[in-house]
N, C-alpha and C. Protein backbone atom coordinates (compact mmCIF):
# COMPACT_ATOMS: atom_id res chain seq x y z
N UNK A 1 -0.24 -55.70 -12.02
CA UNK A 1 -1.26 -55.19 -12.67
C UNK A 1 -0.70 -53.66 -12.95
N UNK A 2 -0.33 -53.57 -14.18
CA UNK A 2 0.50 -52.60 -14.41
C UNK A 2 -0.46 -50.82 -14.53
N UNK A 3 -1.66 -51.23 -14.80
CA UNK A 3 -2.81 -50.47 -14.87
C UNK A 3 -3.06 -49.63 -13.47
N UNK A 4 -2.95 -50.16 -12.45
CA UNK A 4 -3.57 -50.01 -11.04
C UNK A 4 -2.67 -48.87 -10.38
N UNK A 5 -3.14 -48.13 -9.92
CA UNK A 5 -2.69 -47.17 -8.69
C UNK A 5 -3.09 -47.74 -7.55
N UNK A 6 -2.09 -48.01 -6.39
CA UNK A 6 -2.61 -48.87 -5.32
C UNK A 6 -2.98 -47.99 -4.15
N UNK A 7 -4.05 -48.22 -3.39
CA UNK A 7 -4.34 -47.51 -2.23
C UNK A 7 -4.18 -48.30 -0.85
N UNK A 8 -3.52 -48.32 0.16
CA UNK A 8 -3.24 -49.03 1.21
C UNK A 8 -4.48 -48.97 2.13
N UNK A 9 -5.18 -49.85 2.32
CA UNK A 9 -6.45 -49.60 3.41
C UNK A 9 -6.26 -50.39 4.55
N UNK A 10 -6.58 -49.78 5.72
CA UNK A 10 -6.50 -50.59 7.03
C UNK A 10 -8.08 -50.83 7.55
N UNK A 11 -8.40 -52.23 8.09
CA UNK A 11 -9.61 -52.41 8.71
C UNK A 11 -9.49 -53.45 9.29
N UNK A 12 -9.80 -53.22 10.78
CA UNK A 12 -9.84 -54.07 12.04
C UNK A 12 -8.36 -55.18 11.82
N UNK A 13 -7.41 -54.48 11.99
CA UNK A 13 -5.92 -55.20 12.17
C UNK A 13 -5.60 -55.74 10.66
N UNK A 14 -6.14 -55.51 9.62
CA UNK A 14 -5.74 -56.08 8.25
C UNK A 14 -5.45 -54.86 7.56
N UNK A 15 -4.54 -55.52 6.48
CA UNK A 15 -4.09 -54.40 5.64
C UNK A 15 -4.33 -54.92 4.16
N UNK A 16 -5.02 -54.13 3.48
CA UNK A 16 -5.06 -54.57 2.08
C UNK A 16 -4.82 -53.72 1.00
N UNK A 17 -4.80 -54.09 -0.26
CA UNK A 17 -4.34 -53.05 -1.32
C UNK A 17 -5.78 -52.99 -2.13
N UNK A 18 -6.12 -51.81 -2.46
CA UNK A 18 -7.36 -51.36 -3.52
C UNK A 18 -6.89 -50.85 -4.77
N UNK A 19 -7.02 -51.41 -5.78
CA UNK A 19 -6.85 -50.85 -7.10
C UNK A 19 -7.79 -49.79 -7.36
N UNK A 20 -7.25 -48.55 -7.77
CA UNK A 20 -7.97 -47.49 -8.15
C UNK A 20 -7.73 -47.21 -9.47
N UNK A 21 -8.80 -47.06 -10.22
CA UNK A 21 -8.79 -46.79 -11.81
C UNK A 21 -9.52 -45.33 -11.63
N UNK A 22 -9.02 -44.45 -12.47
CA UNK A 22 -9.25 -42.96 -12.66
C UNK A 22 -8.76 -42.33 -13.97
N UNK A 23 -9.26 -41.45 -14.31
CA UNK A 23 -8.98 -40.34 -15.37
C UNK A 23 -9.28 -39.02 -15.04
N UNK A 24 -8.14 -38.09 -14.90
CA UNK A 24 -8.09 -36.82 -14.69
C UNK A 24 -8.38 -35.73 -15.83
N UNK A 25 -9.02 -34.44 -15.79
CA UNK A 25 -9.23 -33.73 -16.74
C UNK A 25 -7.93 -33.18 -17.24
N UNK A 26 -7.76 -32.51 -18.36
CA UNK A 26 -6.79 -31.92 -18.72
C UNK A 26 -6.00 -30.64 -18.27
N UNK A 27 -4.73 -30.89 -18.18
CA UNK A 27 -4.08 -30.02 -17.33
C UNK A 27 -3.85 -28.54 -18.14
N UNK A 28 -3.65 -29.24 -19.76
CA UNK A 28 -3.28 -28.20 -20.53
C UNK A 28 -4.18 -28.15 -21.70
N UNK A 29 -4.79 -27.04 -22.07
CA UNK A 29 -5.75 -27.34 -23.39
C UNK A 29 -4.99 -26.56 -24.57
N UNK A 30 -5.33 -26.96 -25.83
CA UNK A 30 -5.01 -26.47 -26.88
C UNK A 30 -5.53 -24.93 -27.00
N UNK A 31 -4.68 -24.24 -27.62
CA UNK A 31 -5.02 -22.92 -27.64
C UNK A 31 -5.62 -22.41 -29.59
N UNK A 32 -6.62 -21.82 -29.47
CA UNK A 32 -7.07 -21.61 -30.98
C UNK A 32 -6.26 -20.68 -31.67
N UNK A 33 -6.25 -21.03 -33.02
CA UNK A 33 -5.37 -20.05 -33.81
C UNK A 33 -5.96 -19.54 -35.36
N UNK A 34 -5.54 -18.24 -35.78
CA UNK A 34 -6.06 -18.01 -37.12
C UNK A 34 -4.62 -17.85 -37.64
N UNK A 35 -4.54 -18.59 -38.95
CA UNK A 35 -3.25 -18.52 -39.61
C UNK A 35 -3.71 -18.31 -41.07
N UNK A 36 -2.59 -18.32 -41.84
CA UNK A 36 -2.74 -17.95 -43.48
C UNK A 36 -2.43 -19.42 -43.94
N UNK A 37 -2.93 -19.98 -45.32
CA UNK A 37 -2.78 -20.96 -45.82
C UNK A 37 -1.13 -21.35 -45.92
N UNK A 38 -0.61 -22.26 -45.63
CA UNK A 38 0.86 -22.81 -45.70
C UNK A 38 1.27 -22.49 -44.56
N UNK A 39 0.91 -21.85 -43.76
CA UNK A 39 1.57 -21.55 -42.09
C UNK A 39 1.41 -23.09 -41.50
N UNK A 40 2.48 -23.00 -40.45
CA UNK A 40 2.66 -24.16 -39.66
C UNK A 40 1.52 -24.22 -38.30
N UNK A 41 0.35 -25.12 -37.89
CA UNK A 41 -0.13 -25.03 -36.93
C UNK A 41 0.13 -26.04 -35.85
N UNK A 42 0.25 -25.73 -34.60
CA UNK A 42 0.89 -26.34 -33.81
C UNK A 42 -0.29 -26.32 -32.66
N UNK A 43 -0.99 -27.55 -32.30
CA UNK A 43 -2.11 -27.58 -30.91
C UNK A 43 -1.25 -28.56 -30.03
N UNK A 44 -1.16 -28.45 -28.75
CA UNK A 44 -0.75 -29.02 -27.57
C UNK A 44 -2.00 -29.32 -26.58
N UNK A 45 -2.04 -30.54 -25.69
CA UNK A 45 -2.60 -30.89 -24.58
C UNK A 45 -2.09 -31.85 -23.98
N UNK A 46 -2.64 -31.58 -22.39
CA UNK A 46 -1.72 -32.48 -21.46
C UNK A 46 -2.97 -32.91 -20.66
N UNK A 47 -2.76 -34.37 -20.51
CA UNK A 47 -3.85 -34.64 -19.31
C UNK A 47 -3.53 -35.17 -18.25
N UNK A 48 -4.51 -35.12 -17.00
CA UNK A 48 -3.68 -35.69 -15.86
C UNK A 48 -3.46 -37.16 -15.71
N UNK A 49 -3.50 -37.55 -14.58
CA UNK A 49 -3.19 -38.67 -14.29
C UNK A 49 -4.37 -39.77 -14.92
N UNK A 50 -4.22 -40.89 -15.47
CA UNK A 50 -5.04 -42.02 -15.76
C UNK A 50 -4.61 -43.25 -15.45
N UNK A 51 -5.38 -44.05 -15.06
CA UNK A 51 -5.27 -45.30 -14.63
C UNK A 51 -6.34 -46.15 -15.21
N UNK A 52 -5.96 -47.23 -15.85
CA UNK A 52 -4.98 -47.41 -16.79
C UNK A 52 -4.59 -46.12 -17.84
N UNK A 53 -3.52 -46.18 -18.36
CA UNK A 53 -3.21 -45.26 -19.28
C UNK A 53 -4.20 -44.89 -20.40
N UNK A 54 -4.42 -43.75 -20.66
CA UNK A 54 -5.59 -43.47 -21.94
C UNK A 54 -5.11 -43.47 -23.02
N UNK A 55 -5.87 -43.65 -23.86
CA UNK A 55 -5.71 -43.33 -25.66
C UNK A 55 -6.23 -42.17 -25.58
N UNK A 56 -4.95 -41.29 -26.40
CA UNK A 56 -5.06 -40.05 -26.70
C UNK A 56 -5.32 -39.63 -28.06
N UNK A 57 -6.21 -38.77 -28.23
CA UNK A 57 -6.17 -38.27 -29.72
C UNK A 57 -6.95 -37.37 -30.03
N UNK A 58 -6.97 -36.68 -31.40
CA UNK A 58 -7.28 -35.42 -31.64
C UNK A 58 -8.86 -35.56 -32.21
N UNK A 59 -9.73 -34.86 -32.22
CA UNK A 59 -10.84 -34.53 -32.86
C UNK A 59 -10.90 -33.27 -33.36
N UNK A 60 -11.75 -33.49 -34.76
CA UNK A 60 -12.00 -32.11 -35.35
C UNK A 60 -13.29 -32.37 -35.69
N UNK A 61 -14.04 -31.25 -35.32
CA UNK A 61 -15.59 -31.22 -35.53
C UNK A 61 -16.29 -32.32 -34.95
N UNK A 62 -15.78 -32.84 -33.73
CA UNK A 62 -16.45 -34.08 -33.16
C UNK A 62 -16.07 -35.45 -33.98
N UNK A 63 -15.14 -35.39 -34.52
CA UNK A 63 -14.92 -36.81 -35.32
C UNK A 63 -13.35 -37.16 -34.95
N UNK A 64 -12.75 -38.34 -34.65
CA UNK A 64 -11.45 -38.41 -34.68
C UNK A 64 -10.87 -37.84 -35.81
N UNK A 65 -9.54 -37.41 -35.65
CA UNK A 65 -8.71 -36.61 -36.65
C UNK A 65 -7.53 -37.19 -36.96
N UNK A 66 -7.36 -37.82 -38.11
CA UNK A 66 -6.20 -38.86 -38.25
C UNK A 66 -5.00 -37.61 -39.18
N UNK A 67 -5.32 -36.67 -39.35
CA UNK A 67 -4.41 -35.81 -40.31
C UNK A 67 -3.36 -35.21 -39.66
N UNK A 68 -2.32 -34.66 -40.33
CA UNK A 68 -1.18 -34.01 -39.86
C UNK A 68 -0.04 -34.83 -39.20
N UNK A 69 0.92 -34.46 -38.43
CA UNK A 69 1.81 -35.28 -37.75
C UNK A 69 1.26 -35.11 -36.05
N UNK A 70 1.08 -36.39 -35.65
CA UNK A 70 0.61 -36.34 -34.22
C UNK A 70 1.77 -37.14 -33.42
N UNK A 71 1.91 -36.35 -32.22
CA UNK A 71 3.16 -36.97 -31.57
C UNK A 71 2.60 -37.18 -29.99
N UNK A 72 2.98 -38.08 -29.51
CA UNK A 72 2.26 -38.38 -27.92
C UNK A 72 3.56 -38.84 -27.01
N UNK A 73 3.43 -38.32 -25.99
CA UNK A 73 4.67 -38.68 -24.81
C UNK A 73 3.89 -38.88 -23.27
N UNK A 74 4.88 -39.43 -22.68
CA UNK A 74 4.54 -39.97 -21.46
C UNK A 74 5.29 -39.56 -20.54
N UNK A 75 5.20 -38.95 -19.21
CA UNK A 75 6.26 -38.32 -18.66
C UNK A 75 5.74 -38.38 -17.03
N UNK A 76 6.58 -38.23 -16.23
CA UNK A 76 6.35 -37.89 -14.90
C UNK A 76 6.67 -36.57 -14.47
N UNK A 77 5.60 -36.22 -13.59
CA UNK A 77 6.10 -34.81 -13.05
C UNK A 77 5.84 -34.98 -11.53
N UNK A 78 6.66 -33.94 -10.92
CA UNK A 78 6.54 -33.91 -9.47
C UNK A 78 5.22 -32.97 -9.02
N UNK A 79 4.53 -33.58 -7.99
CA UNK A 79 3.24 -33.00 -7.37
C UNK A 79 3.47 -33.13 -5.82
N UNK A 80 2.25 -32.59 -5.23
CA UNK A 80 2.48 -32.85 -3.70
C UNK A 80 2.15 -34.20 -3.13
N UNK A 81 1.67 -35.10 -4.14
CA UNK A 81 1.65 -36.55 -3.92
C UNK A 81 2.48 -37.54 -4.32
N UNK A 82 3.63 -36.81 -4.77
CA UNK A 82 4.67 -37.44 -5.29
C UNK A 82 4.99 -37.38 -6.74
N UNK A 83 5.40 -38.29 -7.52
CA UNK A 83 5.52 -38.34 -8.81
C UNK A 83 4.06 -38.86 -9.56
N UNK A 84 3.59 -38.16 -10.50
CA UNK A 84 2.37 -38.54 -11.15
C UNK A 84 2.48 -38.71 -12.70
N UNK A 85 2.12 -39.63 -13.49
CA UNK A 85 2.21 -39.64 -14.67
C UNK A 85 1.23 -38.85 -15.53
N UNK A 86 1.63 -38.11 -16.54
CA UNK A 86 0.93 -37.19 -17.51
C UNK A 86 1.03 -37.77 -19.01
N UNK A 87 0.40 -37.45 -19.80
CA UNK A 87 0.21 -37.76 -21.07
C UNK A 87 -0.08 -36.67 -21.69
N UNK A 88 0.70 -36.30 -23.04
CA UNK A 88 0.64 -35.25 -23.76
C UNK A 88 0.21 -35.72 -25.18
N UNK A 89 -0.05 -34.85 -26.08
CA UNK A 89 -0.44 -34.86 -27.19
C UNK A 89 -0.13 -33.78 -28.20
N UNK A 90 0.53 -33.73 -29.10
CA UNK A 90 0.80 -32.69 -30.14
C UNK A 90 0.49 -32.87 -31.71
N UNK A 91 -0.43 -31.77 -32.19
CA UNK A 91 -0.88 -32.03 -33.58
C UNK A 91 0.16 -31.09 -34.41
N UNK A 92 0.45 -31.42 -35.32
CA UNK A 92 1.20 -30.43 -36.43
C UNK A 92 0.82 -30.50 -37.71
N UNK A 93 0.13 -29.25 -38.04
CA UNK A 93 -0.40 -29.27 -39.49
C UNK A 93 0.19 -28.32 -40.40
N UNK A 94 0.39 -28.35 -41.44
CA UNK A 94 0.60 -27.10 -42.63
C UNK A 94 -0.88 -26.81 -43.10
N UNK A 95 -1.17 -25.58 -42.81
CA UNK A 95 -2.49 -25.33 -42.89
C UNK A 95 -2.96 -25.08 -44.39
N UNK A 96 -4.06 -25.85 -44.52
CA UNK A 96 -4.74 -25.68 -45.70
C UNK A 96 -6.45 -25.30 -45.25
N UNK A 97 -7.15 -24.86 -46.16
CA UNK A 97 -8.48 -24.51 -46.17
C UNK A 97 -9.17 -25.64 -45.26
N UNK A 98 -9.23 -26.81 -45.50
CA UNK A 98 -9.69 -28.06 -45.09
C UNK A 98 -9.45 -28.08 -43.73
N UNK A 99 -8.47 -27.49 -43.05
CA UNK A 99 -8.26 -27.41 -41.60
C UNK A 99 -9.16 -26.77 -40.96
N UNK A 100 -9.95 -25.93 -41.45
CA UNK A 100 -10.77 -24.96 -40.75
C UNK A 100 -11.62 -25.73 -40.08
N UNK A 101 -11.90 -25.30 -38.64
CA UNK A 101 -12.96 -26.02 -37.71
C UNK A 101 -12.63 -26.04 -36.28
N UNK A 102 -13.54 -26.78 -35.44
CA UNK A 102 -13.27 -26.99 -34.03
C UNK A 102 -12.65 -28.04 -33.74
N UNK A 103 -11.37 -28.21 -32.77
CA UNK A 103 -10.51 -29.28 -32.40
C UNK A 103 -10.60 -29.22 -31.16
N UNK A 104 -10.49 -30.41 -30.53
CA UNK A 104 -10.13 -30.80 -29.04
C UNK A 104 -9.51 -31.93 -28.92
N UNK A 105 -8.72 -32.23 -28.01
CA UNK A 105 -7.89 -33.32 -27.80
C UNK A 105 -9.02 -34.11 -26.72
N UNK A 106 -8.81 -35.72 -26.99
CA UNK A 106 -9.75 -36.59 -26.24
C UNK A 106 -8.75 -37.55 -25.54
N UNK A 107 -9.02 -38.05 -24.50
CA UNK A 107 -8.30 -39.29 -23.59
C UNK A 107 -9.44 -40.29 -23.20
N UNK A 108 -9.45 -41.23 -23.74
CA UNK A 108 -10.12 -42.53 -23.18
C UNK A 108 -9.65 -43.39 -22.24
N UNK A 109 -10.14 -43.81 -21.21
CA UNK A 109 -9.88 -44.69 -20.36
C UNK A 109 -10.79 -45.80 -20.79
N UNK A 110 -10.31 -46.99 -21.52
CA UNK A 110 -11.34 -47.88 -21.81
C UNK A 110 -11.53 -48.80 -20.69
N UNK A 111 -10.86 -48.97 -19.69
CA UNK A 111 -11.31 -49.86 -18.51
C UNK A 111 -12.47 -49.04 -17.99
N UNK A 112 -12.70 -47.83 -17.86
CA UNK A 112 -13.85 -47.12 -17.25
C UNK A 112 -14.92 -46.84 -18.21
N UNK A 113 -14.37 -46.81 -19.53
CA UNK A 113 -15.72 -46.40 -20.56
C UNK A 113 -15.94 -44.83 -20.42
N UNK A 114 -14.78 -44.12 -19.94
CA UNK A 114 -14.84 -42.46 -20.04
C UNK A 114 -13.94 -42.05 -21.13
N UNK A 115 -14.29 -40.95 -21.47
CA UNK A 115 -13.73 -40.09 -22.39
C UNK A 115 -13.71 -38.82 -21.63
N UNK A 116 -12.62 -38.23 -21.60
CA UNK A 116 -12.68 -36.65 -21.15
C UNK A 116 -12.18 -35.81 -22.45
N UNK A 117 -12.68 -34.64 -22.68
CA UNK A 117 -12.10 -33.90 -23.75
C UNK A 117 -11.60 -32.37 -23.15
N UNK A 118 -10.78 -31.83 -23.99
CA UNK A 118 -9.89 -30.55 -23.77
C UNK A 118 -11.23 -29.63 -23.95
N UNK A 119 -10.76 -28.34 -23.63
CA UNK A 119 -11.43 -27.28 -24.31
C UNK A 119 -11.53 -27.51 -25.63
N UNK A 120 -12.72 -27.07 -26.40
CA UNK A 120 -12.92 -26.90 -27.85
C UNK A 120 -11.99 -25.39 -28.29
N UNK A 121 -11.44 -25.66 -29.42
CA UNK A 121 -10.89 -24.27 -29.86
C UNK A 121 -10.93 -24.54 -31.59
N UNK A 122 -11.30 -23.30 -31.77
CA UNK A 122 -11.39 -22.92 -33.18
C UNK A 122 -9.94 -22.67 -33.91
N UNK A 123 -9.63 -23.38 -35.15
CA UNK A 123 -8.83 -23.27 -35.97
C UNK A 123 -8.99 -22.44 -37.22
N UNK A 124 -8.79 -21.06 -37.62
CA UNK A 124 -9.09 -20.69 -38.88
C UNK A 124 -8.08 -20.59 -39.51
N UNK A 125 -8.20 -20.98 -40.93
CA UNK A 125 -7.31 -20.68 -42.26
C UNK A 125 -7.73 -19.79 -43.19
N UNK A 126 -6.88 -18.69 -43.46
CA UNK A 126 -7.43 -17.86 -44.62
C UNK A 126 -6.49 -18.24 -45.72
N UNK A 127 -7.17 -18.05 -46.92
CA UNK A 127 -6.57 -18.38 -48.20
C UNK A 127 -5.48 -17.34 -48.38
N UNK A 128 -4.30 -17.61 -49.35
CA UNK A 128 -3.37 -16.78 -49.50
C UNK A 128 -3.85 -15.97 -50.96
N UNK A 129 -3.55 -14.88 -51.03
CA UNK A 129 -3.96 -13.77 -51.99
C UNK A 129 -2.73 -14.02 -52.94
N UNK A 130 -2.75 -14.09 -54.43
CA UNK A 130 -1.75 -13.84 -55.22
C UNK A 130 -2.06 -12.65 -56.15
N UNK A 131 -1.07 -11.96 -56.29
CA UNK A 131 -1.13 -10.63 -57.08
C UNK A 131 -0.07 -10.99 -58.14
N UNK A 132 -0.99 -10.46 -59.40
CA UNK A 132 -0.41 -10.54 -60.63
C UNK A 132 -0.04 -9.29 -61.21
């Protein structure tokens, strides 16, 4: 079972394994930005450990956001408990007025039916002035 973190339990001279499912809160939250139309917007988030691995996606104004370029990665990092798996998601946009809004990163653990969300951040895009 690839989605389990196992815990070794002892009870009355028996040893057994327990499958632990879990999802941790975000370790890195996106940071809000104010930009001018045409600038590049980059938002990042990193979740904690999740078992099984979560589905990570961006939301804009509380709706899944499919725009821009979205990159996800899985990596292991050292902790006091050994190596833990973390999941990151990056969103890159070329700013237009339609990108104004509230954004957050969401991680869903389907096995548990739980979704955790990063802090909500505001992205503000101002128009470009053209002088004649």
